[in-house]
Amino acid sequence: MTFRGVFRNLCQLPVTPPNPETQGKITAKFLPAQKCLLAGSIQTDINESLLVLTSMPSLQPLLAFTLLLAYFALHSLLAADKLKEWFSQRTGANFRYYRLIYNVLAGVLLIVLLYWMAIWPTKPMFEKNAWTNGAAVVLLATGCWLVVGSLRQYDLGEFTGIRQITQKNATPNHSSLNVSGFNALVRHPLYLGIILSLVGLFLVWSKISALLLLLSVLVYLPFGIHFEEKKLRRQFGQAYLEYEKRVKRLIPWVW
């Protein structure tokens, strides 16, 4: 029986007054209306719950995409020189912990977000075959090679924030611009490696969560690179301007 049928039958039930002599007329008049209102309220609550449940799958990807972009935006905000200067003025010598806390916070938030997306009960978006598997292997291998090679060009102690703590120096001085290795191919080889790895991951996993992660990175990176290069121009001046003229940003010989 439908909700409408239950509602109709409930409203038509006979009512027996508890005290016919004193309250019969009042009860007979108002109790059916109260039952109808109660049944209508139950039906409304159930309908609203069903509406929320049925709308969740369509809102979930949009929410995840928004959260990913918000995460990347927060990442850039916390790395901004003005914000770091603001924290430095208020924390003094304790500012040397900033980089480590920044990395831990970024790592934890990203793990939580990716885990939530990974457990979605979604089906693959396409059927994999030998071509997609082969392309995924090539892209993942190339991407991981670029990521590992790019990280090796960093001072990992400084990158993680550990060196700032051990040497009690919150702002290490970078006197030279690294333009060798993968940096001679593109200005941001680490980002290129991440993109290739995410494309390969999508070909392997082929779920909406992998696609959303890839799309959010592609949307964010132009903005992230823009703000990062503004910092590098201030830091290295003419040397970085000349480097920009020689080497493309992300795609060799293209962009």
Protein backbone atom coordinates (compact mmCIF):
# COMPACT_ATOMS: atom_id res chain seq x y z
CA MET A 1 0.00 0.00 0.00
CA THR A 2 1.26 3.48 -0.83
CA PHE A 3 1.80 6.29 1.68
CA ARG A 4 -1.23 8.05 0.22
CA GLY A 5 -3.44 4.99 0.85
CA VAL A 6 -2.24 4.65 4.45
CA PHE A 7 -2.85 8.35 4.98
CA ARG A 8 -6.39 8.14 3.59
CA ASN A 9 -7.35 5.05 5.63
CA LEU A 10 -5.92 6.48 8.83
CA CYS A 11 -7.91 9.66 8.45
CA GLN A 12 -11.12 7.63 8.00
CA LEU A 13 -10.74 5.46 11.14
CA PRO A 14 -13.67 5.72 13.64
CA VAL A 15 -12.93 7.46 16.89
CA THR A 16 -14.11 6.27 20.35
CA PRO A 17 -14.15 9.10 22.87
CA PRO A 18 -12.51 8.29 26.25
CA ASN A 19 -15.34 10.01 28.20
CA PRO A 20 -18.56 10.32 26.16
CA GLU A 21 -20.37 12.34 28.79
CA THR A 22 -17.93 15.25 29.13
CA GLN A 23 -15.50 15.11 26.22
CA GLY A 24 -17.32 13.17 23.53
CA LYS A 25 -18.13 16.06 21.28
CA ILE A 26 -14.69 17.69 21.52
CA THR A 27 -12.83 14.41 20.99
CA ALA A 28 -15.03 13.33 18.08
CA LYS A 29 -14.42 16.68 16.46
CA PHE A 30 -10.65 17.04 16.86
CA LEU A 31 -9.14 13.53 17.13
CA PRO A 32 -9.59 12.62 13.43
CA ALA A 33 -7.91 15.86 12.44
CA GLN A 34 -5.02 15.13 14.82
CA LYS A 35 -4.58 11.67 13.31
CA CYS A 36 -4.58 13.13 9.82
CA LEU A 37 -1.99 15.72 10.81
CA LEU A 38 0.20 13.04 12.43
CA ALA A 39 0.01 10.81 9.38
CA GLY A 40 0.76 13.76 7.12
CA SER A 41 3.77 14.70 9.25
CA ILE A 42 5.12 11.14 9.07
CA GLN A 43 4.66 11.03 5.33
CA THR A 44 6.39 14.40 4.94
CA ASP A 45 9.35 13.28 7.07
CA ILE A 46 9.73 10.07 5.08
CA ASN A 47 9.50 11.89 1.77
CA GLU A 48 12.14 14.41 2.88
CA SER A 49 14.44 11.62 4.04
CA LEU A 50 14.06 9.80 0.73
CA LEU A 51 14.77 13.02 -1.13
CA VAL A 52 18.00 13.56 0.83
CA LEU A 53 19.11 9.95 0.28
CA THR A 54 18.43 10.04 -3.44
CA SER A 55 20.18 13.38 -3.89
CA MET A 56 23.37 12.37 -2.04
CA PRO A 57 25.02 10.47 -4.92
CA SER A 58 24.73 13.48 -7.22
CA LEU A 59 25.99 15.92 -4.59
CA GLN A 60 28.87 13.76 -3.42
CA PRO A 61 31.18 14.33 -6.42
CA LEU A 62 30.46 18.06 -6.38
CA LEU A 63 31.24 18.22 -2.67
CA ALA A 64 34.47 16.28 -3.15
CA PHE A 65 35.57 18.49 -6.04
CA THR A 66 34.85 21.60 -3.97
CA LEU A 67 36.75 20.24 -0.98
CA LEU A 68 39.75 19.36 -3.15
CA LEU A 69 39.88 22.87 -4.59
CA ALA A 70 39.49 24.32 -1.09
CA TYR A 71 42.35 22.11 0.11
CA PHE A 72 44.64 23.30 -2.69
CA ALA A 73 43.66 26.91 -2.07
CA LEU A 74 44.47 26.52 1.64
CA HIS A 75 47.78 24.94 0.63
CA SER A 76 48.71 28.02 -1.41
CA LEU A 77 47.45 30.42 1.25
CA LEU A 78 49.57 28.87 4.00
CA ALA A 79 52.62 28.97 1.70
CA ALA A 80 52.16 32.68 0.91
CA ASP A 81 54.99 34.95 2.03
CA LYS A 82 52.68 37.54 3.61
CA LEU A 83 50.93 34.96 5.78
CA LYS A 84 54.23 33.39 6.82
CA GLU A 85 55.58 36.83 7.69
CA TRP A 86 52.47 37.47 9.80
CA PHE A 87 53.00 34.21 11.70
CA SER A 88 56.73 34.91 12.05
CA GLN A 89 56.10 38.27 13.71
CA ARG A 90 53.76 36.66 16.25
CA THR A 91 55.57 33.42 17.00
CA GLY A 92 59.19 34.60 17.02
CA ALA A 93 61.69 31.73 17.37
CA ASN A 94 58.86 29.18 17.32
CA PHE A 95 58.23 30.00 13.68
CA ARG A 96 60.83 27.36 12.79
CA TYR A 97 58.12 24.77 13.46
CA TYR A 98 55.84 26.32 10.84
CA ARG A 99 57.02 24.23 7.87
CA LEU A 100 56.74 20.92 9.74
CA ILE A 101 53.27 21.73 11.08
CA TYR A 102 52.25 22.89 7.61
CA ASN A 103 53.35 19.58 6.06
CA VAL A 104 51.73 17.43 8.74
CA LEU A 105 48.45 19.34 8.50
CA ALA A 106 48.47 19.14 4.70
CA GLY A 107 49.25 15.41 4.76
CA VAL A 108 46.55 14.52 7.29
CA LEU A 109 43.85 16.54 5.54
CA LEU A 110 44.71 15.04 2.16
CA ILE A 111 44.76 11.47 3.50
CA VAL A 112 41.35 11.90 5.14
CA LEU A 113 39.85 13.43 2.00
CA LEU A 114 41.29 10.78 -0.33
CA TYR A 115 40.21 7.95 1.99
CA TRP A 116 36.65 9.27 2.04
CA MET A 117 36.64 9.38 -1.76
CA ALA A 118 38.24 5.92 -2.07
CA ILE A 119 35.47 4.16 -0.12
CA TRP A 120 32.65 5.43 -2.32
CA PRO A 121 30.59 2.46 -3.57
CA THR A 122 30.92 3.47 -7.22
CA LYS A 123 31.40 1.35 -10.32
CA PRO A 124 34.23 1.76 -12.86
CA MET A 125 33.50 4.39 -15.50
CA PHE A 126 34.79 2.22 -18.36
CA GLU A 127 35.97 -1.31 -19.02
CA LYS A 128 39.74 -1.73 -18.95
CA ASN A 129 41.65 -3.57 -21.66
CA ALA A 130 45.24 -4.20 -22.73
CA TRP A 131 45.55 -0.70 -24.23
CA THR A 132 44.38 1.13 -21.13
CA ASN A 133 46.49 -1.08 -18.87
CA GLY A 134 49.56 -0.53 -21.01
CA ALA A 135 49.04 3.23 -21.11
CA ALA A 136 48.51 3.27 -17.34
CA VAL A 137 51.79 1.45 -16.71
CA VAL A 138 53.72 3.88 -18.95
CA LEU A 139 52.10 6.96 -17.40
CA LEU A 140 52.53 5.76 -13.82
CA ALA A 141 56.15 4.77 -14.37
CA THR A 142 56.99 8.06 -16.09
CA GLY A 143 55.10 10.12 -13.53
CA CYS A 144 56.71 8.41 -10.54
CA TRP A 145 60.14 8.75 -12.19
CA LEU A 146 59.61 12.50 -12.57
CA VAL A 147 58.29 12.88 -9.01
CA VAL A 148 61.16 10.96 -7.42
CA GLY A 149 63.75 12.69 -9.60
CA SER A 150 62.29 16.11 -8.80
CA LEU A 151 62.24 15.46 -5.06
CA ARG A 152 65.89 14.40 -5.18
CA GLN A 153 66.74 17.91 -6.35
CA TYR A 154 65.20 19.35 -3.18
CA ASP A 155 66.79 19.55 0.23
CA LEU A 156 64.38 17.07 1.82
CA GLY A 157 65.33 18.16 5.33
CA GLU A 158 64.28 21.68 4.49
CA PHE A 159 61.32 20.52 2.39
CA THR A 160 59.84 18.60 5.33
CA GLY A 161 60.69 21.30 7.88
CA ILE A 162 63.06 19.16 9.95
CA ARG A 163 66.18 21.17 9.08
CA GLN A 164 64.52 24.41 10.20
CA ILE A 165 64.01 22.86 13.65
CA THR A 166 67.39 21.23 14.06
CA GLN A 167 69.33 24.29 12.84
CA LYS A 168 66.93 26.76 14.52
CA ASN A 169 66.66 28.66 11.26
CA ALA A 170 63.09 29.29 10.16
CA THR A 171 63.95 30.88 6.79
CA PRO A 172 66.86 29.15 5.00
CA ASN A 173 68.60 31.32 2.43
CA HIS A 174 68.44 30.13 -1.20
CA SER A 175 71.26 31.88 -3.02
CA SER A 176 71.13 29.98 -6.32
CA LEU A 177 68.43 28.89 -8.74
CA ASN A 178 68.43 25.20 -9.66
CA VAL A 179 68.05 24.88 -13.44
CA SER A 180 69.66 21.46 -13.91
CA GLY A 181 68.23 17.95 -14.19
CA PHE A 182 64.49 17.82 -14.81
CA ASN A 183 64.34 21.57 -14.18
CA ALA A 184 66.14 22.02 -17.49
CA LEU A 185 63.23 20.26 -19.21
CA VAL A 186 60.32 22.11 -17.56
CA ARG A 187 60.13 24.63 -14.74
CA HIS A 188 57.81 22.42 -12.66
CA PRO A 189 58.76 18.76 -13.25
CA LEU A 190 57.22 17.70 -9.95
CA TYR A 191 53.78 18.91 -11.05
CA LEU A 192 54.19 17.25 -14.45
CA GLY A 193 55.00 13.96 -12.72
CA ILE A 194 51.93 14.27 -10.50
CA ILE A 195 49.66 14.88 -13.50
CA LEU A 196 51.01 11.88 -15.42
CA SER A 197 50.67 9.69 -12.32
CA LEU A 198 47.06 10.77 -11.77
CA VAL A 199 46.15 10.06 -15.41
CA GLY A 200 47.68 6.60 -15.03
CA LEU A 201 45.82 6.09 -11.75
CA PHE A 202 42.53 6.94 -13.44
CA LEU A 203 43.20 4.41 -16.21
CA VAL A 204 43.91 1.75 -13.58
CA TRP A 205 41.11 2.58 -11.15
CA SER A 206 38.66 4.16 -13.60
CA LYS A 207 36.34 5.50 -10.89
CA ILE A 208 34.76 8.93 -10.47
CA SER A 209 36.93 9.69 -7.42
CA ALA A 210 40.14 9.26 -9.45
CA LEU A 211 38.74 11.49 -12.20
CA LEU A 212 37.75 14.19 -9.69
CA LEU A 213 41.23 14.18 -8.19
CA LEU A 214 42.78 14.57 -11.64
CA LEU A 215 40.39 17.36 -12.68
CA SER A 216 40.84 19.28 -9.43
CA VAL A 217 44.63 19.21 -9.88
CA LEU A 218 44.32 20.39 -13.50
CA VAL A 219 42.03 23.25 -12.43
CA TYR A 220 44.22 24.31 -9.52
CA LEU A 221 47.71 24.01 -11.01
CA PRO A 222 47.62 27.11 -13.29
CA PHE A 223 46.73 29.24 -10.27
CA GLY A 224 49.17 27.48 -7.97
CA ILE A 225 51.99 27.86 -10.48
CA HIS A 226 51.15 31.53 -10.98
CA PHE A 227 51.50 32.33 -7.27
CA GLU A 228 54.57 30.15 -6.87
CA GLU A 229 56.36 31.85 -9.75
CA LYS A 230 55.58 35.28 -8.35
CA LYS A 231 57.51 34.24 -5.25
CA LEU A 232 60.39 32.90 -7.35
CA ARG A 233 60.64 36.14 -9.35
CA ARG A 234 60.88 38.13 -6.13
CA GLN A 235 63.44 35.73 -4.76
CA PHE A 236 65.75 35.28 -7.77
CA GLY A 237 64.95 38.37 -9.84
CA GLN A 238 66.52 38.53 -13.29
CA ALA A 239 67.88 34.99 -13.08
CA TYR A 240 64.36 33.57 -12.93
CA LEU A 241 63.11 35.86 -15.69
CA GLU A 242 65.81 34.52 -17.99
CA TYR A 243 64.99 30.98 -16.91
CA GLU A 244 61.35 31.56 -17.85
CA LYS A 245 62.39 32.61 -21.35
CA ARG A 246 64.44 29.44 -21.91
CA VAL A 247 62.30 26.74 -20.30
CA LYS A 248 58.56 26.08 -20.59
CA ARG A 249 56.35 25.95 -17.53
CA LEU A 250 54.87 22.45 -17.54
CA ILE A 251 54.81 20.89 -21.05
CA PRO A 252 58.18 20.74 -22.81
CA TRP A 253 58.39 23.13 -25.82
CA VAL A 254 54.64 23.91 -25.53
CA TRP A 255 53.57 25.63 -22.26
